[in-house]
C-alpha atoms as a PDB file:
ATOM      1  CA  MET A   1     -32.371-264.969 146.731  1.00  0.00           C
ATOM      2  CA  VAL A   2     -35.950-265.194 145.691  1.00  0.00           C
ATOM      3  CA  PHE A   3     -35.805-261.569 144.460  1.00  0.00           C
ATOM      4  CA  ARG A   4     -32.641-262.224 142.423  1.00  0.00           C
ATOM      5  CA  ARG A   5     -34.115-265.357 140.783  1.00  0.00           C
ATOM      6  CA  HIS A   6     -37.286-263.379 139.942  1.00  0.00           C
ATOM      7  CA  SER A   7     -35.145-260.572 138.395  1.00  0.00           C
ATOM      8  CA  ARG A   8     -33.234-263.082 136.297  1.00  0.00           C
ATOM      9  CA  SER A   9     -36.473-264.621 135.162  1.00  0.00           C
ATOM     10  CA  CYS A  10     -37.939-261.173 134.251  1.00  0.00           C
ATOM     11  CA  ALA A  11     -34.786-260.402 132.342  1.00  0.00           C
ATOM     12  CA  VAL A  12     -35.132-263.552 130.303  1.00  0.00           C
ATOM     13  CA  CYS A  13     -38.832-262.818 129.632  1.00  0.00           C
ATOM     14  CA  LEU A  14     -37.895-259.328 128.513  1.00  0.00           C
ATOM     15  CA  VAL A  15     -35.254-260.629 126.105  1.00  0.00           C
ATOM     16  CA  LEU A  16     -37.762-263.155 124.680  1.00  0.00           C
ATOM     17  CA  ALA A  17     -40.403-260.493 124.340  1.00  0.00           C
ATOM     18  CA  LEU A  18     -38.008-258.141 122.531  1.00  0.00           C
ATOM     19  CA  ALA A  19     -36.956-260.957 120.181  1.00  0.00           C
ATOM     20  CA  THR A  20     -40.637-261.739 119.463  1.00  0.00           C
ATOM     21  CA  LEU A  21     -41.348-258.179 118.741  1.00  0.00           C
ATOM     22  CA  ALA A  22     -38.340-257.982 116.440  1.00  0.00           C
ATOM     23  CA  ILE A  23     -39.509-261.034 114.564  1.00  0.00           C
ATOM     24  CA  LEU A  24     -43.004-259.625 114.230  1.00  0.00           C
ATOM     25  CA  ALA A  25     -41.637-256.370 113.082  1.00  0.00           C
ATOM     26  CA  GLY A  26     -39.490-258.111 110.548  1.00  0.00           C
ATOM     27  CA  CYS A  27     -42.492-260.039 109.250  1.00  0.00           C
ATOM     28  CA  ALA A  28     -44.553-256.875 109.082  1.00  0.00           C
ATOM     29  CA  GLY A  29     -41.746-255.158 107.204  1.00  0.00           C
ATOM     30  CA  HIS A  30     -41.640-258.093 104.763  1.00  0.00           C
ATOM     31  CA  ASP A  31     -45.366-257.978 104.220  1.00  0.00           C
ATOM     32  CA  LEU A  32     -45.213-254.252 103.662  1.00  0.00           C
ATOM     33  CA  LYS A  33     -42.450-254.644 101.155  1.00  0.00           C
ATOM     34  CA  ALA A  34     -44.397-257.342  99.331  1.00  0.00           C
ATOM     35  CA  SER A  35     -47.483-255.172  99.324  1.00  0.00           C
ATOM     36  CA  GLU A  36     -45.549-252.199  97.975  1.00  0.00           C
ATOM     37  CA  THR A  37     -43.903-254.164  95.174  1.00  0.00           C
ATOM     38  CA  SER A  38     -46.947-256.374  94.350  1.00  0.00           C
ATOM     39  CA  PRO A  39     -50.115-254.285  94.668  1.00  0.00           C
ATOM     40  CA  TRP A  40     -51.973-256.987  92.863  1.00  0.00           C
ATOM     41  CA  GLN A  41     -51.621-259.460  95.724  1.00  0.00           C
ATOM     42  CA  SER A  42     -55.353-259.127  96.541  1.00  0.00           C
ATOM     43  CA  SER A  43     -56.304-260.073  92.935  1.00  0.00           C
ATOM     44  CA  ARG A  44     -57.882-263.485  92.508  1.00  0.00           C
ATOM     45  CA  GLN A  45     -58.283-263.682  88.670  1.00  0.00           C
ATOM     46  CA  LEU A  46     -55.445-263.538  86.228  1.00  0.00           C
ATOM     47  CA  VAL A  47     -55.439-263.300  82.407  1.00  0.00           C
ATOM     48  CA  LEU A  48     -51.872-264.144  81.415  1.00  0.00           C
ATOM     49  CA  VAL A  49     -50.284-263.676  77.954  1.00  0.00           C
ATOM     50  CA  THR A  50     -46.790-264.963  77.250  1.00  0.00           C
ATOM     51  CA  VAL A  51     -44.847-264.345  74.065  1.00  0.00           C
ATOM     52  CA  ALA A  52     -41.574-265.806  72.849  1.00  0.00           C
ATOM     53  CA  ASP A  53     -39.572-262.563  72.942  1.00  0.00           C
ATOM     54  CA  TRP A  54     -39.928-258.788  72.749  1.00  0.00           C
ATOM     55  CA  ASN A  55     -40.415-258.656  69.005  1.00  0.00           C
ATOM     56  CA  THR A  56     -42.963-261.511  68.608  1.00  0.00           C
ATOM     57  CA  ASP A  57     -46.459-260.453  67.486  1.00  0.00           C
ATOM     58  CA  HIS A  58     -48.387-263.503  68.828  1.00  0.00           C
ATOM     59  CA  GLY A  59     -48.512-265.570  72.033  1.00  0.00           C
ATOM     60  CA  MET A  60     -50.585-267.770  74.328  1.00  0.00           C
ATOM     61  CA  LEU A  61     -53.327-266.619  76.691  1.00  0.00           C
ATOM     62  CA  ARG A  62     -54.118-268.579  79.857  1.00  0.00           C
ATOM     63  CA  THR A  63     -56.421-267.911  82.828  1.00  0.00           C
ATOM     64  CA  TYR A  64     -55.845-268.554  86.502  1.00  0.00           C
ATOM     65  CA  THR A  65     -57.699-268.135  89.809  1.00  0.00           C
ATOM     66  CA  ARG A  66     -55.963-267.670  93.130  1.00  0.00           C
ATOM     67  CA  GLY A  67     -56.964-269.512  96.268  1.00  0.00           C
ATOM     68  CA  ALA A  68     -55.422-270.594  99.528  1.00  0.00           C
ATOM     69  CA  HIS A  69     -52.678-272.461  97.748  1.00  0.00           C
ATOM     70  CA  GLY A  70     -51.864-269.964  95.101  1.00  0.00           C
ATOM     71  CA  TRP A  71     -52.695-269.669  91.395  1.00  0.00           C
ATOM     72  CA  VAL A  72     -54.590-272.562  89.702  1.00  0.00           C
ATOM     73  CA  ALA A  73     -55.311-272.890  85.994  1.00  0.00           C
ATOM     74  CA  ALA A  74     -58.872-271.804  85.177  1.00  0.00           C
ATOM     75  CA  GLY A  75     -59.302-273.611  81.957  1.00  0.00           C
ATOM     76  CA  VAL A  76     -58.710-271.131  79.062  1.00  0.00           C
ATOM     77  CA  ALA A  77     -55.598-271.621  76.954  1.00  0.00           C
ATOM     78  CA  ALA A  78     -55.763-270.053  73.526  1.00  0.00           C
ATOM     79  CA  PRO A  79     -53.544-268.311  70.974  1.00  0.00           C
ATOM     80  CA  VAL A  80     -53.678-264.480  70.686  1.00  0.00           C
ATOM     81  CA  THR A  81     -52.105-261.821  68.558  1.00  0.00           C
ATOM     82  CA  ILE A  82     -50.492-258.669  69.989  1.00  0.00           C
ATOM     83  CA  GLY A  83     -48.683-255.549  68.607  1.00  0.00           C
ATOM     84  CA  LYS A  84     -47.203-255.610  65.153  1.00  0.00           C
ATOM     85  CA  THR A  85     -43.741-254.894  66.544  1.00  0.00           C
ATOM     86  CA  GLY A  86     -44.089-257.010  69.677  1.00  0.00           C
ATOM     87  CA  ALA A  87     -44.119-255.758  73.269  1.00  0.00           C
ATOM     88  CA  GLY A  88     -42.523-253.080  75.469  1.00  0.00           C
ATOM     89  CA  TRP A  89     -42.597-252.183  79.164  1.00  0.00           C
ATOM     90  CA  GLY A  90     -45.781-250.261  79.952  1.00  0.00           C
ATOM     91  CA  LEU A  91     -47.101-248.345  82.948  1.00  0.00           C
ATOM     92  CA  GLY A  92     -49.162-250.496  85.139  1.00  0.00           C
ATOM     93  CA  LEU A  93     -49.121-251.965  88.703  1.00  0.00           C
ATOM     94  CA  ASN A  94     -45.537-253.236  88.649  1.00  0.00           C
ATOM     95  CA  ALA A  95     -42.454-251.335  89.529  1.00  0.00           C
ATOM     96  CA  PRO A  96     -40.486-250.008  86.545  1.00  0.00           C
ATOM     97  CA  GLN A  97     -38.200-252.601  84.905  1.00  0.00           C
ATOM     98  CA  SER A  98     -34.878-252.288  83.089  1.00  0.00           C
ATOM     99  CA  GLY A  99     -33.950-254.096  79.919  1.00  0.00           C
ATOM    100  CA  GLY A 100     -36.187-254.415  76.884  1.00  0.00           C
ATOM    101  CA  PRO A 101     -38.063-251.735  74.906  1.00  0.00           C
ATOM    102  CA  VAL A 102     -40.376-249.207  76.575  1.00  0.00           C
ATOM    103  CA  LYS A 103     -43.958-248.722  75.294  1.00  0.00           C
ATOM    104  CA  ARG A 104     -44.471-245.374  73.507  1.00  0.00           C
ATOM    105  CA  GLU A 105     -47.451-243.898  71.706  1.00  0.00           C
ATOM    106  CA  GLY A 106     -47.722-245.173  68.137  1.00  0.00           C
ATOM    107  CA  ASP A 107     -44.948-247.769  68.334  1.00  0.00           C
ATOM    108  CA  ASN A 108     -47.265-250.689  67.635  1.00  0.00           C
ATOM    109  CA  ARG A 109     -46.021-252.557  70.790  1.00  0.00           C
ATOM    110  CA  SER A 110     -48.356-254.070  73.334  1.00  0.00           C
ATOM    111  CA  PRO A 111     -47.555-253.009  76.936  1.00  0.00           C
ATOM    112  CA  ALA A 112     -45.739-255.556  79.061  1.00  0.00           C
ATOM    113  CA  GLY A 113     -46.268-255.774  82.819  1.00  0.00           C
ATOM    114  CA  VAL A 114     -49.184-256.132  85.194  1.00  0.00           C
ATOM    115  CA  PHE A 115     -52.364-254.160  84.639  1.00  0.00           C
ATOM    116  CA  ARG A 116     -55.793-253.888  86.081  1.00  0.00           C
ATOM    117  CA  ILE A 117     -58.670-255.049  83.882  1.00  0.00           C
ATOM    118  CA  GLY A 118     -61.076-252.186  83.474  1.00  0.00           C
ATOM    119  CA  ASP A 119     -64.517-251.784  81.868  1.00  0.00           C
ATOM    120  CA  THR A 120     -65.805-254.216  79.226  1.00  0.00           C
ATOM    121  CA  PHE A 121     -67.371-252.842  76.164  1.00  0.00           C
ATOM    122  CA  GLY A 122     -69.172-253.859  72.957  1.00  0.00           C
ATOM    123  CA  TYR A 123     -71.509-253.078  70.151  1.00  0.00           C
ATOM    124  CA  ALA A 124     -74.544-254.824  71.810  1.00  0.00           C
ATOM    125  CA  SER A 125     -76.759-253.234  74.420  1.00  0.00           C
ATOM    126  CA  HIS A 126     -75.564-255.827  76.910  1.00  0.00           C
ATOM    127  CA  VAL A 127     -73.350-258.938  77.126  1.00  0.00           C
ATOM    128  CA  ASP A 128     -72.964-261.804  79.556  1.00  0.00           C
ATOM    129  CA  THR A 129     -70.543-260.351  82.063  1.00  0.00           C
ATOM    130  CA  ALA A 130     -70.525-259.221  85.744  1.00  0.00           C
ATOM    131  CA  MET A 131     -67.910-256.523  84.911  1.00  0.00           C
ATOM    132  CA  PRO A 132     -68.947-252.878  84.227  1.00  0.00           C
ATOM    133  CA  TYR A 133     -70.104-252.771  80.605  1.00  0.00           C
ATOM    134  CA  LEU A 134     -70.192-249.867  78.174  1.00  0.00           C
ATOM    135  CA  ALA A 135     -72.599-250.248  75.284  1.00  0.00           C
ATOM    136  CA  LEU A 136     -70.816-248.267  72.598  1.00  0.00           C
ATOM    137  CA  ASN A 137     -72.461-245.689  70.402  1.00  0.00           C
ATOM    138  CA  ALA A 138     -71.334-243.916  67.237  1.00  0.00           C
ATOM    139  CA  THR A 139     -70.000-240.819  68.987  1.00  0.00           C
ATOM    140  CA  GLU A 140     -67.657-242.587  71.420  1.00  0.00           C
ATOM    141  CA  TYR A 141     -63.914-242.396  70.883  1.00  0.00           C
ATOM    142  CA  CYS A 142     -60.805-243.393  72.741  1.00  0.00           C
ATOM    143  CA  VAL A 143     -58.543-240.361  72.639  1.00  0.00           C
ATOM    144  CA  ASP A 144     -55.054-241.273  71.436  1.00  0.00           C
ATOM    145  CA  VAL A 145     -53.845-237.702  70.987  1.00  0.00           C
ATOM    146  CA  SER A 146     -51.058-237.197  73.500  1.00  0.00           C
ATOM    147  CA  GLY A 147     -51.520-234.037  75.511  1.00  0.00           C
ATOM    148  CA  ALA A 148     -55.255-233.850  74.908  1.00  0.00           C
ATOM    149  CA  ALA A 149     -57.415-233.240  77.945  1.00  0.00           C
ATOM    150  CA  HIS A 150     -58.990-236.727  77.663  1.00  0.00           C
ATOM    151  CA  TYR A 151     -55.855-238.583  76.508  1.00  0.00           C
ATOM    152  CA  ASN A 152     -56.172-242.376  77.033  1.00  0.00           C
ATOM    153  CA  ARG A 153     -59.930-242.097  77.924  1.00  0.00           C
ATOM    154  CA  ILE A 154     -63.031-243.328  76.239  1.00  0.00           C
ATOM    155  CA  VAL A 155     -65.364-240.352  75.867  1.00  0.00           C
ATOM    156  CA  ASP A 156     -68.599-239.447  74.081  1.00  0.00           C
ATOM    157  CA  ALA A 157     -68.186-236.547  71.648  1.00  0.00           C
ATOM    158  CA  ASN A 158     -71.824-235.562  72.371  1.00  0.00           C
ATOM    159  CA  VAL A 159     -70.807-235.050  76.020  1.00  0.00           C
ATOM    160  CA  VAL A 160     -67.243-233.637  75.770  1.00  0.00           C
ATOM    161  CA  GLY A 161     -67.626-231.852  72.421  1.00  0.00           C
ATOM    162  CA  ALA A 162     -66.270-232.631  68.979  1.00  0.00           C
ATOM    163  CA  ASP A 163     -63.134-230.600  69.559  1.00  0.00           C
ATOM    164  CA  ALA A 164     -62.137-232.901  72.461  1.00  0.00           C
ATOM    165  CA  VAL A 165     -61.903-235.953  70.184  1.00  0.00           C
ATOM    166  CA  LYS A 166     -60.425-234.067  67.221  1.00  0.00           C
ATOM    167  CA  GLY A 167     -57.516-236.068  65.701  1.00  0.00           C
ATOM    168  CA  SER A 168     -58.333-239.290  67.541  1.00  0.00           C
ATOM    169  CA  THR A 169     -57.905-242.368  65.390  1.00  0.00           C
ATOM    170  CA  GLU A 170     -59.880-244.632  67.723  1.00  0.00           C
ATOM    171  CA  PRO A 171     -63.669-244.530  67.054  1.00  0.00           C
ATOM    172  CA  MET A 172     -65.072-247.245  69.331  1.00  0.00           C
ATOM    173  CA  ARG A 173     -67.853-248.150  66.887  1.00  0.00           C
ATOM    174  CA  ARG A 174     -65.501-249.364  64.289  1.00  0.00           C
ATOM    175  CA  ASP A 175     -68.374-251.148  62.502  1.00  0.00           C
ATOM    176  CA  LEU A 176     -69.887-247.719  61.770  1.00  0.00           C
ATOM    177  CA  HIS A 177     -66.645-245.781  61.046  1.00  0.00           C
ATOM    178  CA  VAL A 178     -64.260-248.381  59.583  1.00  0.00           C
ATOM    179  CA  ASN A 179     -66.067-250.402  56.927  1.00  0.00           C
ATOM    180  CA  GLY A 180     -68.005-252.740  59.255  1.00  0.00           C
ATOM    181  CA  ASP A 181     -64.930-253.691  61.351  1.00  0.00           C
ATOM    182  CA  GLN A 182     -65.967-256.093  64.127  1.00  0.00           C
ATOM    183  CA  ARG A 183     -62.794-255.967  66.289  1.00  0.00           C
ATOM    184  CA  TYR A 184     -64.449-253.916  69.024  1.00  0.00           C
ATOM    185  CA  ARG A 185     -67.693-255.885  69.012  1.00  0.00           C
ATOM    186  CA  MET A 186     -66.565-257.263  72.414  1.00  0.00           C
ATOM    187  CA  GLY A 187     -63.628-256.383  74.493  1.00  0.00           C
ATOM    188  CA  PHE A 188     -62.192-254.980  77.753  1.00  0.00           C
ATOM    189  CA  VAL A 189     -59.883-252.177  78.751  1.00  0.00           C
ATOM    190  CA  ILE A 190     -56.282-253.051  79.817  1.00  0.00           C
ATOM    191  CA  GLU A 191     -55.419-250.225  82.206  1.00  0.00           C
ATOM    192  CA  GLN A 192     -52.124-249.226  80.675  1.00  0.00           C
ATOM    193  CA  ASN A 193     -50.931-245.751  81.562  1.00  0.00           C
ATOM    194  CA  PRO A 194     -53.937-244.980  83.770  1.00  0.00           C
ATOM    195  CA  GLN A 195     -52.318-241.658  84.788  1.00  0.00           C
ATOM    196  CA  ALA A 196     -52.324-240.573  81.109  1.00  0.00           C
ATOM    197  CA  LYS A 197     -48.644-239.745  81.020  1.00  0.00           C
ATOM    198  CA  PRO A 198     -47.936-238.017  77.669  1.00  0.00           C
ATOM    199  CA  LEU A 199     -46.660-240.247  74.889  1.00  0.00           C
ATOM    200  CA  ALA A 200     -46.613-243.349  77.158  1.00  0.00           C
ATOM    201  CA  GLY A 201     -49.288-245.165  75.199  1.00  0.00           C
ATOM    202  CA  SER A 202     -53.064-245.109  75.043  1.00  0.00           C
ATOM    203  CA  CYS A 203     -56.266-247.023  74.235  1.00  0.00           C
ATOM    204  CA  ILE A 204     -55.002-250.519  75.037  1.00  0.00           C
ATOM    205  CA  PHE A 205     -57.671-253.197  74.880  1.00  0.00           C
ATOM    206  CA  ALA A 206     -58.316-256.863  74.651  1.00  0.00           C
ATOM    207  CA  HIS A 207     -60.593-257.282  71.636  1.00  0.00           C
ATOM    208  CA  LEU A 208     -61.516-259.669  68.781  1.00  0.00           C
ATOM    209  CA  TRP A 209     -58.956-260.423  66.097  1.00  0.00           C
ATOM    210  CA  ALA A 210     -59.459-259.932  62.431  1.00  0.00           C
ATOM    211  CA  SER A 211     -57.718-263.259  61.781  1.00  0.00           C
ATOM    212  CA  PRO A 212     -55.104-265.506  63.464  1.00  0.00           C
ATOM    213  CA  THR A 213     -52.349-263.834  61.418  1.00  0.00           C
ATOM    214  CA  ASP A 214     -53.410-260.209  61.874  1.00  0.00           C
ATOM    215  CA  SER A 215     -51.446-258.457  64.633  1.00  0.00           C
ATOM    216  CA  THR A 216     -52.624-255.220  66.341  1.00  0.00           C
ATOM    217  CA  ALA A 217     -51.557-251.596  66.953  1.00  0.00           C
ATOM    218  CA  GLY A 218     -50.810-252.540  70.605  1.00  0.00           C
ATOM    219  CA  CYS A 219     -53.735-254.447  71.884  1.00  0.00           C
ATOM    220  CA  THR A 220     -54.234-258.165  72.459  1.00  0.00           C
ATOM    221  CA  ALA A 221     -56.679-259.904  70.096  1.00  0.00           C
ATOM    222  CA  MET A 222     -58.457-263.237  70.203  1.00  0.00           C
ATOM    223  CA  THR A 223     -61.381-265.282  68.852  1.00  0.00           C
ATOM    224  CA  PRO A 224     -64.978-264.325  69.769  1.00  0.00           C
ATOM    225  CA  SER A 225     -65.373-267.583  71.702  1.00  0.00           C
ATOM    226  CA  VAL A 226     -62.349-266.918  73.887  1.00  0.00           C
ATOM    227  CA  MET A 227     -63.550-263.343  74.534  1.00  0.00           C
ATOM    228  CA  GLN A 228     -67.023-264.563  75.472  1.00  0.00           C
ATOM    229  CA  SER A 229     -65.480-266.984  77.944  1.00  0.00           C
ATOM    230  CA  LEU A 230     -63.361-264.245  79.517  1.00  0.00           C
ATOM    231  CA  LEU A 231     -66.191-261.723  79.800  1.00  0.00           C
ATOM    232  CA  ALA A 232     -68.434-264.367  81.491  1.00  0.00           C
ATOM    233  CA  TRP A 233     -65.701-265.425  83.825  1.00  0.00           C
ATOM    234  CA  LEU A 234     -64.338-262.078  85.037  1.00  0.00           C
ATOM    235  CA  ARG A 235     -65.691-260.748  88.353  1.00  0.00           C
ATOM    236  CA  PRO A 236     -65.039-257.164  89.645  1.00  0.00           C
ATOM    237  CA  GLU A 237     -64.860-258.368  93.281  1.00  0.00           C
ATOM    238  CA  ASP A 238     -61.945-260.599  92.339  1.00  0.00           C
ATOM    239  CA  GLN A 239     -59.935-257.544  91.113  1.00  0.00           C
ATOM    240  CA  PRO A 240     -58.842-259.203  87.895  1.00  0.00           C
ATOM    241  CA  ILE A 241     -55.457-258.438  86.373  1.00  0.00           C
ATOM    242  CA  PHE A 242     -53.894-258.800  82.936  1.00  0.00           C
ATOM    243  CA  ILE A 243     -50.239-259.696  82.589  1.00  0.00           C
ATOM    244  CA  LEU A 244     -48.212-259.782  79.383  1.00  0.00           C
ATOM    245  CA  LEU A 245     -44.570-260.780  79.391  1.00  0.00           C
ATOM    246  CA  PRO A 246     -41.936-262.306  77.138  1.00  0.00           C
ATOM    247  CA  GLN A 247     -41.133-265.812  78.318  1.00  0.00           C
ATOM    248  CA  HIS A 248     -37.703-265.009  79.673  1.00  0.00           C
ATOM    249  CA  GLU A 249     -39.038-262.016  81.649  1.00  0.00           C
ATOM    250  CA  TYR A 250     -41.782-264.205  83.048  1.00  0.00           C
ATOM    251  CA  GLU A 251     -39.345-266.737  84.328  1.00  0.00           C
ATOM    252  CA  ARG A 252     -37.122-264.000  85.783  1.00  0.00           C
ATOM    253  CA  LEU A 253     -40.022-262.373  87.645  1.00  0.00           C
ATOM    254  CA  ARG A 254     -42.211-265.362  88.503  1.00  0.00           C
ATOM    255  CA  THR A 255     -41.024-265.936  91.986  1.00  0.00           C
ATOM    256  CA  ASP A 256     -40.815-262.318  93.081  1.00  0.00           C
ATOM    257  CA  TRP A 257     -44.217-261.593  91.577  1.00  0.00           C
ATOM    258  CA  GLN A 258     -45.726-264.900  92.951  1.00  0.00           C
ATOM    259  CA  LEU A 259     -46.996-265.973  89.542  1.00  0.00           C
ATOM    260  CA  PRO A 260     -47.991-269.445  88.460  1.00  0.00           C
ATOM    261  CA  ALA A 261     -45.609-271.904  86.878  1.00  0.00           C
ATOM    262  CA  ILE A 262     -46.401-272.607  83.198  1.00  0.00           C
ATOM    263  CA  ALA A 263     -46.068-276.248  82.275  1.00  0.00           C
ATOM    264  CA  ALA A 264     -43.852-276.868  79.252  1.00  0.00           C
ATOM    265  CA  THR A 265     -46.370-278.127  76.599  1.00  0.00           C
ATOM    266  CA  GLY A 266     -46.794-277.993  72.956  1.00  0.00           C
ATOM    267  CA  ASP A 267     -48.975-274.900  73.131  1.00  0.00           C
ATOM    268  CA  ALA A 268     -46.117-272.696  74.322  1.00  0.00           C
ATOM    269  CA  PRO A 269     -45.816-269.418  72.412  1.00  0.00           C
END
């Protein structure tokens, strides 16, 4: 009798153990799935741009930090301009999405999706930022020629050779090459199409705007004061990300992507 009761008890323990393992496996599977679909889950800084729809050339930029209880507003809320023809799905950290236009080289659309924030850059020898900084010189270009060896890369013609940047329309020292243009005086790289897929879009930055009514060729533009605030705030250890989405896509994806709720205020795009 004692042996039989002990066997029944072991059987119950075995069932409970198997059930626990199944639950743990299910949780592990869920975490793996979340990690696979949201590779930015370890990011703790977010620069978010929302626009009214796919064809709007301006929107609202907001910043957030992520802590134990999720995303919290970090204090910056400012208007920005984007591509002349609006936005289109780009190639970043998020899984491919259906519906809406797709970013292509030369389409004057800003890429939509989730993107790593890369190096900062500017005309000065240094700026107030903890991020990697590239002090631009007159021979640096971003190669926007699809199929070129350095497509979608900032390179120095003195290093890679003049032929490597032939045909590029993106001299980084625009003040020296484009009538004193100050738009690249401060900025950072938005890592759209990091694999340099041909014709998928190149040389996407956050930079200074020419004016509040001047849209871009696919970048996101803002005032110098907003850019200075961003550069001083960004930290490489926090793996900052940049997200741009039309409002309806943001609401559709917000829960799955674990993004912050945006309060309905008068500053909506």
